[in-house]
């Protein structure tokens, strides 16, 4: 996952004082946190230029999936499906 998504996921854990628990969960799930590099930033910019409704945090996640050629991008946000064929909406 891109570092931007990790930051968003951590907000409630910071508020609750459970950052260590979140770190353990992400490590146990074998999910790597990756920096946002130039390629991801450019892909996100292109996505936002084509789709004015996509917010930058969402564009960064979708762009990351595209840049690393992910098999799937899991989300609960059904709007993402129109931005990438990699998106799979979960409940």
PDB file of N, CA and C in Angstrom:
ATOM      1  N   UNK A   1       0.837  -1.169   0.000  1.00  0.00           N
ATOM      2  CA  UNK A   1       0.000   0.000   0.000  1.00  0.00           C
ATOM      3  C   UNK A   1       0.884   1.234   0.000  1.00  0.00           C
ATOM      4  N   UNK A   2       0.425   2.284  -0.644  1.00  0.00           N
ATOM      5  CA  UNK A   2       1.219   3.512  -0.611  1.00  0.00           C
ATOM      6  C   UNK A   2       1.190   4.139   0.782  1.00  0.00           C
ATOM      7  N   UNK A   3       2.235   4.843   1.105  1.00  0.00           N
ATOM      8  CA  UNK A   3       2.347   5.473   2.424  1.00  0.00           C
ATOM      9  C   UNK A   3       1.166   6.404   2.704  1.00  0.00           C
ATOM     10  N   UNK A   4       0.591   6.997   1.677  1.00  0.00           N
ATOM     11  CA  UNK A   4      -0.564   7.886   1.888  1.00  0.00           C
ATOM     12  C   UNK A   4      -1.747   7.112   2.472  1.00  0.00           C
ATOM     13  N   UNK A   5      -1.978   5.899   2.010  1.00  0.00           N
ATOM     14  CA  UNK A   5      -3.080   5.081   2.526  1.00  0.00           C
ATOM     15  C   UNK A   5      -2.779   4.632   3.952  1.00  0.00           C
ATOM     16  N   UNK A   6      -1.520   4.331   4.216  1.00  0.00           N
ATOM     17  CA  UNK A   6      -1.128   3.939   5.566  1.00  0.00           C
ATOM     18  C   UNK A   6      -1.377   5.096   6.541  1.00  0.00           C
ATOM     19  N   UNK A   7      -1.036   6.300   6.130  1.00  0.00           N
ATOM     20  CA  UNK A   7      -1.266   7.469   6.982  1.00  0.00           C
ATOM     21  C   UNK A   7      -2.754   7.628   7.284  1.00  0.00           C
ATOM     22  N   UNK A   8      -3.593   7.475   6.275  1.00  0.00           N
ATOM     23  CA  UNK A   8      -5.034   7.595   6.489  1.00  0.00           C
ATOM     24  C   UNK A   8      -5.546   6.503   7.418  1.00  0.00           C
ATOM     25  N   UNK A   9      -5.045   5.290   7.228  1.00  0.00           N
ATOM     26  CA  UNK A   9      -5.482   4.166   8.068  1.00  0.00           C
ATOM     27  C   UNK A   9      -5.062   4.351   9.526  1.00  0.00           C
ATOM     28  N   UNK A  10      -3.971   5.042   9.744  1.00  0.00           N
ATOM     29  CA  UNK A  10      -3.448   5.215  11.098  1.00  0.00           C
ATOM     30  C   UNK A  10      -4.172   6.264  11.933  1.00  0.00           C
ATOM     31  N   UNK A  11      -4.908   7.153  11.321  1.00  0.00           N
ATOM     32  CA  UNK A  11      -5.507   8.271  12.051  1.00  0.00           C
ATOM     33  C   UNK A  11      -6.302   7.799  13.260  1.00  0.00           C
ATOM     34  N   UNK A  12      -7.212   6.876  13.064  1.00  0.00           N
ATOM     35  CA  UNK A  12      -8.032   6.433  14.205  1.00  0.00           C
ATOM     36  C   UNK A  12      -7.199   5.688  15.239  1.00  0.00           C
ATOM     37  N   UNK A  13      -6.136   5.008  14.797  1.00  0.00           N
ATOM     38  CA  UNK A  13      -5.266   4.301  15.742  1.00  0.00           C
ATOM     39  C   UNK A  13      -4.435   5.282  16.571  1.00  0.00           C
ATOM     40  N   UNK A  14      -4.030   6.377  15.952  1.00  0.00           N
ATOM     41  CA  UNK A  14      -3.313   7.415  16.702  1.00  0.00           C
ATOM     42  C   UNK A  14      -4.234   7.989  17.778  1.00  0.00           C
ATOM     43  N   UNK A  15      -5.462   8.293  17.381  1.00  0.00           N
ATOM     44  CA  UNK A  15      -6.424   8.839  18.335  1.00  0.00           C
ATOM     45  C   UNK A  15      -6.685   7.873  19.488  1.00  0.00           C
ATOM     46  N   UNK A  16      -6.706   6.573  19.176  1.00  0.00           N
ATOM     47  CA  UNK A  16      -7.014   5.557  20.185  1.00  0.00           C
ATOM     48  C   UNK A  16      -5.771   5.064  20.922  1.00  0.00           C
ATOM     49  N   UNK A  17      -4.602   5.523  20.493  1.00  0.00           N
ATOM     50  CA  UNK A  17      -3.369   5.068  21.132  1.00  0.00           C
ATOM     51  C   UNK A  17      -3.018   3.631  20.802  1.00  0.00           C
ATOM     52  N   UNK A  18      -3.413   3.169  19.611  1.00  0.00           N
ATOM     53  CA  UNK A  18      -3.186   1.768  19.245  1.00  0.00           C
ATOM     54  C   UNK A  18      -2.329   1.610  17.984  1.00  0.00           C
ATOM     55  N   UNK A  19      -1.381   2.510  17.788  1.00  0.00           N
ATOM     56  CA  UNK A  19      -0.531   2.459  16.597  1.00  0.00           C
ATOM     57  C   UNK A  19       0.271   1.162  16.549  1.00  0.00           C
ATOM     58  N   UNK A  20       0.795   0.723  17.690  1.00  0.00           N
ATOM     59  CA  UNK A  20       1.565  -0.526  17.707  1.00  0.00           C
ATOM     60  C   UNK A  20       0.711  -1.706  17.246  1.00  0.00           C
ATOM     61  N   UNK A  21      -0.538  -1.738  17.654  1.00  0.00           N
ATOM     62  CA  UNK A  21      -1.443  -2.812  17.233  1.00  0.00           C
ATOM     63  C   UNK A  21      -1.672  -2.751  15.727  1.00  0.00           C
ATOM     64  N   UNK A  22      -1.804  -1.540  15.181  1.00  0.00           N
ATOM     65  CA  UNK A  22      -1.987  -1.378  13.732  1.00  0.00           C
ATOM     66  C   UNK A  22      -0.750  -1.841  12.979  1.00  0.00           C
ATOM     67  N   UNK A  23       0.430  -1.475  13.486  1.00  0.00           N
ATOM     68  CA  UNK A  23       1.680  -1.917  12.846  1.00  0.00           C
ATOM     69  C   UNK A  23       1.769  -3.439  12.822  1.00  0.00           C
ATOM     70  N   UNK A  24       1.412  -4.060  13.922  1.00  0.00           N
ATOM     71  CA  UNK A  24       1.456  -5.521  13.999  1.00  0.00           C
ATOM     72  C   UNK A  24       0.481  -6.143  13.008  1.00  0.00           C
ATOM     73  N   UNK A  25      -0.705  -5.583  12.922  1.00  0.00           N
ATOM     74  CA  UNK A  25      -1.719  -6.121  12.002  1.00  0.00           C
ATOM     75  C   UNK A  25      -1.265  -6.023  10.554  1.00  0.00           C
ATOM     76  N   UNK A  26      -0.687  -4.901  10.178  1.00  0.00           N
ATOM     77  CA  UNK A  26      -0.252  -4.723   8.789  1.00  0.00           C
ATOM     78  C   UNK A  26       0.922  -5.653   8.481  1.00  0.00           C
ATOM     79  N   UNK A  27       1.806  -5.828   9.455  1.00  0.00           N
ATOM     80  CA  UNK A  27       2.943  -6.741   9.289  1.00  0.00           C
ATOM     81  C   UNK A  27       2.451  -8.184   9.178  1.00  0.00           C
ATOM     82  N   UNK A  28       1.511  -8.573  10.048  1.00  0.00           N
ATOM     83  CA  UNK A  28       0.971  -9.935  10.017  1.00  0.00           C
ATOM     84  C   UNK A  28       0.232 -10.233   8.724  1.00  0.00           C
ATOM     85  N   UNK A  29      -0.377  -9.212   8.140  1.00  0.00           N
ATOM     86  CA  UNK A  29      -1.076  -9.386   6.861  1.00  0.00           C
ATOM     87  C   UNK A  29      -0.112  -9.369   5.681  1.00  0.00           C
ATOM     88  N   UNK A  30       1.180  -9.170   5.981  1.00  0.00           N
ATOM     89  CA  UNK A  30       2.234  -9.136   4.963  1.00  0.00           C
ATOM     90  C   UNK A  30       1.981  -8.063   3.903  1.00  0.00           C
ATOM     91  N   UNK A  31       1.557  -6.901   4.387  1.00  0.00           N
ATOM     92  CA  UNK A  31       1.332  -5.759   3.506  1.00  0.00           C
ATOM     93  C   UNK A  31       2.497  -4.797   3.679  1.00  0.00           C
ATOM     94  N   UNK A  32       3.153  -4.487   2.584  1.00  0.00           N
ATOM     95  CA  UNK A  32       4.275  -3.549   2.617  1.00  0.00           C
ATOM     96  C   UNK A  32       3.757  -2.128   2.425  1.00  0.00           C
ATOM     97  N   UNK A  33       4.380  -1.204   3.118  1.00  0.00           N
ATOM     98  CA  UNK A  33       4.068   0.214   2.949  1.00  0.00           C
ATOM     99  C   UNK A  33       5.170   0.808   2.077  1.00  0.00           C
ATOM    100  N   UNK A  34       4.763   1.381   0.951  1.00  0.00           N
ATOM    101  CA  UNK A  34       5.732   1.882  -0.026  1.00  0.00           C
ATOM    102  C   UNK A  34       5.656   3.397  -0.153  1.00  0.00           C
ATOM    103  N   UNK A  35       6.802   4.017  -0.407  1.00  0.00           N
ATOM    104  CA  UNK A  35       6.790   5.471  -0.614  1.00  0.00           C
ATOM    105  C   UNK A  35       6.060   5.830  -1.910  1.00  0.00           C
ATOM    106  N   UNK A  36       5.583   7.048  -1.961  1.00  0.00           N
ATOM    107  CA  UNK A  36       4.973   7.560  -3.188  1.00  0.00           C
ATOM    108  C   UNK A  36       6.097   8.149  -4.019  1.00  0.00           C
ATOM    109  N   UNK A  37       6.364   7.527  -5.142  1.00  0.00           N
ATOM    110  CA  UNK A  37       7.466   7.999  -5.983  1.00  0.00           C
ATOM    111  C   UNK A  37       6.928   8.815  -7.160  1.00  0.00           C
ATOM    112  N   UNK A  38       7.842   9.222  -8.015  1.00  0.00           N
ATOM    113  CA  UNK A  38       7.485  10.072  -9.153  1.00  0.00           C
ATOM    114  C   UNK A  38       6.474   9.399 -10.077  1.00  0.00           C
ATOM    115  N   UNK A  39       6.643   8.101 -10.334  1.00  0.00           N
ATOM    116  CA  UNK A  39       5.736   7.388 -11.239  1.00  0.00           C
ATOM    117  C   UNK A  39       4.309   7.359 -10.674  1.00  0.00           C
ATOM    118  N   UNK A  40       4.186   7.107  -9.377  1.00  0.00           N
ATOM    119  CA  UNK A  40       2.867   7.077  -8.749  1.00  0.00           C
ATOM    120  C   UNK A  40       2.246   8.471  -8.774  1.00  0.00           C
ATOM    121  N   UNK A  41       3.047   9.476  -8.461  1.00  0.00           N
ATOM    122  CA  UNK A  41       2.541  10.854  -8.465  1.00  0.00           C
ATOM    123  C   UNK A  41       2.041  11.253  -9.849  1.00  0.00           C
ATOM    124  N   UNK A  42       2.786  10.899 -10.876  1.00  0.00           N
ATOM    125  CA  UNK A  42       2.368  11.239 -12.244  1.00  0.00           C
ATOM    126  C   UNK A  42       1.110  10.490 -12.648  1.00  0.00           C
ATOM    127  N   UNK A  43       1.013   9.218 -12.281  1.00  0.00           N
ATOM    128  CA  UNK A  43      -0.191   8.430 -12.586  1.00  0.00           C
ATOM    129  C   UNK A  43      -1.403   9.018 -11.856  1.00  0.00           C
ATOM    130  N   UNK A  44      -1.212   9.429 -10.608  1.00  0.00           N
ATOM    131  CA  UNK A  44      -2.307  10.042  -9.844  1.00  0.00           C
ATOM    132  C   UNK A  44      -2.743  11.355 -10.490  1.00  0.00           C
ATOM    133  N   UNK A  45      -1.781  12.144 -10.950  1.00  0.00           N
ATOM    134  CA  UNK A  45      -2.106  13.409 -11.613  1.00  0.00           C
ATOM    135  C   UNK A  45      -2.901  13.158 -12.896  1.00  0.00           C
ATOM    136  N   UNK A  46      -2.505  12.160 -13.654  1.00  0.00           N
ATOM    137  CA  UNK A  46      -3.235  11.821 -14.890  1.00  0.00           C
ATOM    138  C   UNK A  46      -4.653  11.380 -14.565  1.00  0.00           C
ATOM    139  N   UNK A  47      -4.801  10.573 -13.517  1.00  0.00           N
ATOM    140  CA  UNK A  47      -6.120  10.105 -13.113  1.00  0.00           C
ATOM    141  C   UNK A  47      -7.011  11.280 -12.708  1.00  0.00           C
ATOM    142  N   UNK A  48      -6.460  12.202 -11.930  1.00  0.00           N
ATOM    143  CA  UNK A  48      -7.231  13.379 -11.511  1.00  0.00           C
ATOM    144  C   UNK A  48      -7.547  14.289 -12.688  1.00  0.00           C
ATOM    145  N   UNK A  49      -6.660  14.378 -13.663  1.00  0.00           N
ATOM    146  CA  UNK A  49      -6.915  15.210 -14.836  1.00  0.00           C
ATOM    147  C   UNK A  49      -8.061  14.634 -15.673  1.00  0.00           C
ATOM    148  N   UNK A  50      -8.151  13.304 -15.731  1.00  0.00           N
ATOM    149  CA  UNK A  50      -9.217  12.643 -16.492  1.00  0.00           C
ATOM    150  C   UNK A  50     -10.536  12.590 -15.737  1.00  0.00           C
ATOM    151  N   UNK A  51     -10.457  12.535 -14.412  1.00  0.00           N
ATOM    152  CA  UNK A  51     -11.654  12.363 -13.576  1.00  0.00           C
ATOM    153  C   UNK A  51     -11.615  13.386 -12.446  1.00  0.00           C
ATOM    154  N   UNK A  52     -12.273  14.510 -12.641  1.00  0.00           N
ATOM    155  CA  UNK A  52     -12.233  15.599 -11.663  1.00  0.00           C
ATOM    156  C   UNK A  52     -12.814  15.195 -10.313  1.00  0.00           C
ATOM    157  N   UNK A  53     -13.649  14.171 -10.284  1.00  0.00           N
ATOM    158  CA  UNK A  53     -14.301  13.783  -9.032  1.00  0.00           C
ATOM    159  C   UNK A  53     -13.414  12.950  -8.104  1.00  0.00           C
ATOM    160  N   UNK A  54     -12.327  12.417  -8.610  1.00  0.00           N
ATOM    161  CA  UNK A  54     -11.474  11.577  -7.755  1.00  0.00           C
ATOM    162  C   UNK A  54     -10.594  12.468  -6.879  1.00  0.00           C
ATOM    163  N   UNK A  55     -10.615  12.186  -5.586  1.00  0.00           N
ATOM    164  CA  UNK A  55      -9.810  12.960  -4.639  1.00  0.00           C
ATOM    165  C   UNK A  55      -8.357  12.474  -4.670  1.00  0.00           C
ATOM    166  N   UNK A  56      -7.437  13.346  -4.318  1.00  0.00           N
ATOM    167  CA  UNK A  56      -6.014  13.000  -4.374  1.00  0.00           C
ATOM    168  C   UNK A  56      -5.670  11.767  -3.542  1.00  0.00           C
ATOM    169  N   UNK A  57      -6.143  11.631  -2.301  1.00  0.00           N
ATOM    170  CA  UNK A  57      -5.788  10.414  -1.558  1.00  0.00           C
ATOM    171  C   UNK A  57      -6.227   9.130  -2.280  1.00  0.00           C
ATOM    172  N   UNK A  58      -7.426   9.162  -2.855  1.00  0.00           N
ATOM    173  CA  UNK A  58      -7.913   8.008  -3.610  1.00  0.00           C
ATOM    174  C   UNK A  58      -7.097   7.804  -4.879  1.00  0.00           C
ATOM    175  N   UNK A  59      -6.795   8.880  -5.574  1.00  0.00           N
ATOM    176  CA  UNK A  59      -6.002   8.793  -6.806  1.00  0.00           C
ATOM    177  C   UNK A  59      -4.628   8.190  -6.531  1.00  0.00           C
ATOM    178  N   UNK A  60      -4.033   8.514  -5.398  1.00  0.00           N
ATOM    179  CA  UNK A  60      -2.718   7.955  -5.061  1.00  0.00           C
ATOM    180  C   UNK A  60      -2.785   6.447  -4.856  1.00  0.00           C
ATOM    181  N   UNK A  61      -3.831   5.973  -4.212  1.00  0.00           N
ATOM    182  CA  UNK A  61      -3.979   4.531  -3.997  1.00  0.00           C
ATOM    183  C   UNK A  61      -4.213   3.812  -5.321  1.00  0.00           C
ATOM    184  N   UNK A  62      -5.104   4.341  -6.122  1.00  0.00           N
ATOM    185  CA  UNK A  62      -5.401   3.729  -7.420  1.00  0.00           C
ATOM    186  C   UNK A  62      -4.161   3.772  -8.312  1.00  0.00           C
ATOM    187  N   UNK A  63      -3.477   4.895  -8.326  1.00  0.00           N
ATOM    188  CA  UNK A  63      -2.257   5.031  -9.136  1.00  0.00           C
ATOM    189  C   UNK A  63      -1.182   4.064  -8.676  1.00  0.00           C
ATOM    190  N   UNK A  64      -1.067   3.864  -7.379  1.00  0.00           N
ATOM    191  CA  UNK A  64      -0.085   2.907  -6.866  1.00  0.00           C
ATOM    192  C   UNK A  64      -0.385   1.511  -7.400  1.00  0.00           C
ATOM    193  N   UNK A  65      -1.650   1.106  -7.348  1.00  0.00           N
ATOM    194  CA  UNK A  65      -2.039  -0.216  -7.853  1.00  0.00           C
ATOM    195  C   UNK A  65      -1.714  -0.355  -9.332  1.00  0.00           C
ATOM    196  N   UNK A  66      -1.964   0.699 -10.087  1.00  0.00           N
ATOM    197  CA  UNK A  66      -1.646   0.666 -11.519  1.00  0.00           C
ATOM    198  C   UNK A  66      -0.138   0.579 -11.742  1.00  0.00           C
ATOM    199  N   UNK A  67       0.613   1.367 -10.990  1.00  0.00           N
ATOM    200  CA  UNK A  67       2.069   1.443 -11.182  1.00  0.00           C
ATOM    201  C   UNK A  67       2.764   0.137 -10.841  1.00  0.00           C
ATOM    202  N   UNK A  68       2.304  -0.551  -9.806  1.00  0.00           N
ATOM    203  CA  UNK A  68       2.937  -1.823  -9.423  1.00  0.00           C
ATOM    204  C   UNK A  68       2.286  -3.015 -10.126  1.00  0.00           C
ATOM    205  N   UNK A  69       1.333  -2.731 -11.011  1.00  0.00           N
ATOM    206  CA  UNK A  69       0.642  -3.777 -11.769  1.00  0.00           C
ATOM    207  C   UNK A  69      -0.025  -4.794 -10.842  1.00  0.00           C
ATOM    208  N   UNK A  70      -0.742  -4.272  -9.843  1.00  0.00           N
ATOM    209  CA  UNK A  70      -1.424  -5.126  -8.865  1.00  0.00           C
ATOM    210  C   UNK A  70      -2.483  -5.985  -9.540  1.00  0.00           C
ATOM    211  N   UNK A  71      -2.650  -7.192  -9.042  1.00  0.00           N
ATOM    212  CA  UNK A  71      -3.708  -8.064  -9.558  1.00  0.00           C
ATOM    213  C   UNK A  71      -5.076  -7.505  -9.214  1.00  0.00           C
ATOM    214  N   UNK A  72      -5.207  -7.001  -7.981  1.00  0.00           N
ATOM    215  CA  UNK A  72      -6.472  -6.456  -7.507  1.00  0.00           C
ATOM    216  C   UNK A  72      -6.212  -5.283  -6.579  1.00  0.00           C
ATOM    217  N   UNK A  73      -7.177  -4.407  -6.530  1.00  0.00           N
ATOM    218  CA  UNK A  73      -7.179  -3.308  -5.575  1.00  0.00           C
ATOM    219  C   UNK A  73      -8.477  -3.426  -4.793  1.00  0.00           C
ATOM    220  N   UNK A  74      -8.375  -3.824  -3.539  1.00  0.00           N
ATOM    221  CA  UNK A  74      -9.551  -4.023  -2.705  1.00  0.00           C
ATOM    222  C   UNK A  74      -9.962  -2.709  -2.067  1.00  0.00           C
ATOM    223  N   UNK A  75     -11.249  -2.436  -2.093  1.00  0.00           N
ATOM    224  CA  UNK A  75     -11.789  -1.218  -1.498  1.00  0.00           C
ATOM    225  C   UNK A  75     -13.238  -1.438  -1.110  1.00  0.00           C
ATOM    226  N   UNK A  76     -13.718  -0.591  -0.233  1.00  0.00           N
ATOM    227  CA  UNK A  76     -15.148  -0.593   0.083  1.00  0.00           C
ATOM    228  C   UNK A  76     -15.869   0.522  -0.671  1.00  0.00           C
ATOM    229  N   UNK A  77     -15.122   1.291  -1.436  1.00  0.00           N
ATOM    230  CA  UNK A  77     -15.677   2.440  -2.159  1.00  0.00           C
ATOM    231  C   UNK A  77     -16.049   2.029  -3.585  1.00  0.00           C
ATOM    232  N   UNK A  78     -17.326   1.849  -3.831  1.00  0.00           N
ATOM    233  CA  UNK A  78     -17.794   1.376  -5.138  1.00  0.00           C
ATOM    234  C   UNK A  78     -17.501   2.368  -6.264  1.00  0.00           C
ATOM    235  N   UNK A  79     -17.266   3.645  -5.921  1.00  0.00           N
ATOM    236  CA  UNK A  79     -16.966   4.643  -6.960  1.00  0.00           C
ATOM    237  C   UNK A  79     -15.641   4.361  -7.658  1.00  0.00           C
ATOM    238  N   UNK A  80     -14.731   3.676  -6.968  1.00  0.00           N
ATOM    239  CA  UNK A  80     -13.405   3.422  -7.544  1.00  0.00           C
ATOM    240  C   UNK A  80     -13.456   2.530  -8.783  1.00  0.00           C
ATOM    241  N   UNK A  81     -14.474   1.718  -8.917  1.00  0.00           N
ATOM    242  CA  UNK A  81     -14.557   0.779 -10.035  1.00  0.00           C
ATOM    243  C   UNK A  81     -14.520   1.483 -11.386  1.00  0.00           C
ATOM    244  N   UNK A  82     -14.978   2.702 -11.446  1.00  0.00           N
ATOM    245  CA  UNK A  82     -14.973   3.423 -12.727  1.00  0.00           C
ATOM    246  C   UNK A  82     -13.595   3.975 -13.077  1.00  0.00           C
ATOM    247  N   UNK A  83     -12.671   3.951 -12.124  1.00  0.00           N
ATOM    248  CA  UNK A  83     -11.336   4.511 -12.355  1.00  0.00           C
ATOM    249  C   UNK A  83     -10.290   3.462 -12.730  1.00  0.00           C
ATOM    250  N   UNK A  84     -10.557   2.187 -12.423  1.00  0.00           N
ATOM    251  CA  UNK A  84      -9.564   1.142 -12.700  1.00  0.00           C
ATOM    252  C   UNK A  84     -10.231  -0.224 -12.777  1.00  0.00           C
ATOM    253  N   UNK A  85      -9.787  -1.017 -13.721  1.00  0.00           N
ATOM    254  CA  UNK A  85     -10.307  -2.384 -13.841  1.00  0.00           C
ATOM    255  C   UNK A  85      -9.724  -3.299 -12.767  1.00  0.00           C
ATOM    256  N   UNK A  86      -8.729  -2.826 -12.031  1.00  0.00           N
ATOM    257  CA  UNK A  86      -8.125  -3.631 -10.951  1.00  0.00           C
ATOM    258  C   UNK A  86      -8.985  -3.633  -9.684  1.00  0.00           C
ATOM    259  N   UNK A  87      -9.917  -2.718  -9.593  1.00  0.00           N
ATOM    260  CA  UNK A  87     -10.709  -2.531  -8.374  1.00  0.00           C
ATOM    261  C   UNK A  87     -11.670  -3.688  -8.171  1.00  0.00           C
ATOM    262  N   UNK A  88     -11.682  -4.181  -6.913  1.00  0.00           N
ATOM    263  CA  UNK A  88     -12.691  -5.140  -6.486  1.00  0.00           C
ATOM    264  C   UNK A  88     -13.290  -4.586  -5.203  1.00  0.00           C
ATOM    265  N   UNK A  89     -14.588  -4.346  -5.241  1.00  0.00           N
ATOM    266  CA  UNK A  89     -15.287  -3.771  -4.102  1.00  0.00           C
ATOM    267  C   UNK A  89     -15.658  -4.897  -3.142  1.00  0.00           C
ATOM    268  N   UNK A  90     -15.312  -4.699  -1.876  1.00  0.00           N
ATOM    269  CA  UNK A  90     -15.617  -5.680  -0.835  1.00  0.00           C
ATOM    270  C   UNK A  90     -16.519  -5.029   0.202  1.00  0.00           C
ATOM    271  N   UNK A  91     -17.265  -5.855   0.909  1.00  0.00           N
ATOM    272  CA  UNK A  91     -18.169  -5.353   1.964  1.00  0.00           C
ATOM    273  C   UNK A  91     -17.450  -5.236   3.277  1.00  0.00           C
TER     274      UNK A  91
END
